[in-house]
Amino acid sequence: MQAYIVRQPILDENQEVLGYEILYQEKINDTQGKSTDIKAASAIENFLTQLDSDKFLAGKMAFINFTPNLLLRNIPKIFSPQKLVIQIDDDTIINPAAQSQVYEYKKKGYSIAINGFEFALRYFSILDVVDIIKVNIAGNRESLPNIVNIGKSFNKDLIAYNVDDEDSYKIAKKLGFTFMQGSYVAEMVPTAIHKLDHMQSNFFQLMIAVTKDEPNVDEIETIISRDVTLTFSLLKLVNSAYFALRHRAKSVKQALVILGLGQLKQWIYLLSFKQDDGSMPDEMIRISFLRAKFAEELLTFAKDMPISKSEAYLIGMFSTLGKLMNVSLEEALVEISVSDEIKLALTKQEGRSGLLYMLVLSYEKADWKNMASYAEQLGISVNIVTQKYFECVEYVNTIWKDLTRTSEEIEASEREELNEGKKAEN
C-alpha cells in the first residue's frame, strides 16, 4: 500500500501558524475504486505509525478530515483533543449517527471544523457544535459575503482555503476571514522589503561558530546553508567586484574557502549592524529550508541529473527569494551567481533540474497526479519521495527548535556543554 501525506499551513493575518491540514491520498491513479473510508483510515494509520506526528506538526494542531464511519469507529480518539481539529463534510451532517458522534467529540474537548457551508437547514442545525467554518475561496464567490456574515454572527472562526493567488488573497482579506490556507499566503511576507533581514537566532549561532578558537568550517557551512538570507548575502559578497573572481562561487562551501575565516568574521561583524526588529514570517523560512533539504535528498535518487547536491539545495532555498526581496525571481537571481541550469529550473522549470523543482512543488501542494509524473520522469520511486518528505520535515522542525532559541538560551546551553566537558575531564 502506498500513502501520500503532506501538511499545509493555516495562518492568521500576522503569518502565525494556527495548525496544519493533513492532506492525503492512498494511491495514485487508483483504479480499484477503494472507498473513502479505507483511504482515510490508511492515511491516518500511516501518519501515526510511520512518523512522530508531533515532530511532523511542530507542536501545532492537526486538521484532518473524518468520514462518518471513521467517526463512528472512534478513530479521532487516537489524537488528544489539544492536538486535533476534526473536519467534517456534508456526508457527516446528513448522517444522524455520525452527527451525534460529532457532539460527543465536542463534549470531550475536540474542536470541530466544517468544510464549506450551504444555506440549508441541516447546516444551521449543527452550527452550535462547530468552531470553525472552512470556505473554498475559489468556489462560488457571490455567496461568500453572506457566509462570512453568518459565521461572524455565530462567533465562528473562518478559514479561507485555496488562497493560491493574489486575487484570492485580496478577496479573503476584504471579506474579513480570520485565517487563510493556500500557496499564496504560505509564501507571503508581512511588509514589502527590498533588502533581506537575517534571522536573529541563526545569526547569533553563526557569530558563536566563527569566534571559536578553532572554528569548524562544516558547522559554519551548515548554519549559513539553512538560512536563505545568509546564503544569498554570502554569495553576493564573494562574487562581487571586490574579489574579481575568474570563476564565480556557486555554493556556500566554495564561498567560505574564497572568503577565509578572517574576512568571514568581518562580514558577520558588518551584518550585525543591519539587523532589524522586524523579522520574516516563520513559515516562509521553513518553506525555503524544507524545499532546499527536500530537493537535495531527492537528487540522490534522480537519474541523469546535471547538477550537484549543493546546487539542488540552492534551487529549493532560492525558490522564495523573489518574494523575500519583493521583486520577481528573475530580478533576484541577477544579484547572485548561479548556474544557468539553476536559473532555468527556477524561472522556467526547464530541464531535468526543472523537473526536480516541480516535483518538490507538486508534493508541497498535494498535487499527487503531477507529483507521480515528475517522479517517474526522474526515475524516483514515489515511495521514496514520501519517505524523504517525512524525514526532511522532521529534520527542519528539529533544527527550527534550535534556531528559535533566544540568545540567553543558547548561551546557557553553551555553558552547560562546557560544564559537562569539565566534569568529563575530571
Foldseek 3Di string as FASTA:
>chain_A
DAKFWAWFFKAFLQRDTQWTEIDMARDPPDPVPDDPQVGQVVRVVCCVPVADVCLLTLNHAYEYEDALVCLVVVVVVVDQQRRYEYEYEPNQLVDVVSLVSLVVVLVNNHAYEYEDDDPDPSRVVSLVSHQEYEYALPPPVVCVLVVLVVCVVSPHQYEYEQCADPVSVVSCVVSPHRIYIYDVSLLAWNDAAQAFADQVLLLLVLLVQLPDPDHDLVVNQVSQLLFLRSFLVLQLVQQDVVVVDPDGDAFSSSSCVSCDSVNVNVVSVVSVVVHDPDHTNPSNSLQLNLQLQLQLVVVVQFPPDPDHSRLSSVLSNLLSVCNSNVHDSVVSPVSGDHDPVSVCLNPVLDDLSVLSSVLSVCSNRVVVNSNVVSCVVRRHDVSVSSVSSSVSSSVSSVVVVSSPDDPVVVVVVVVVVVVVVVVVVD
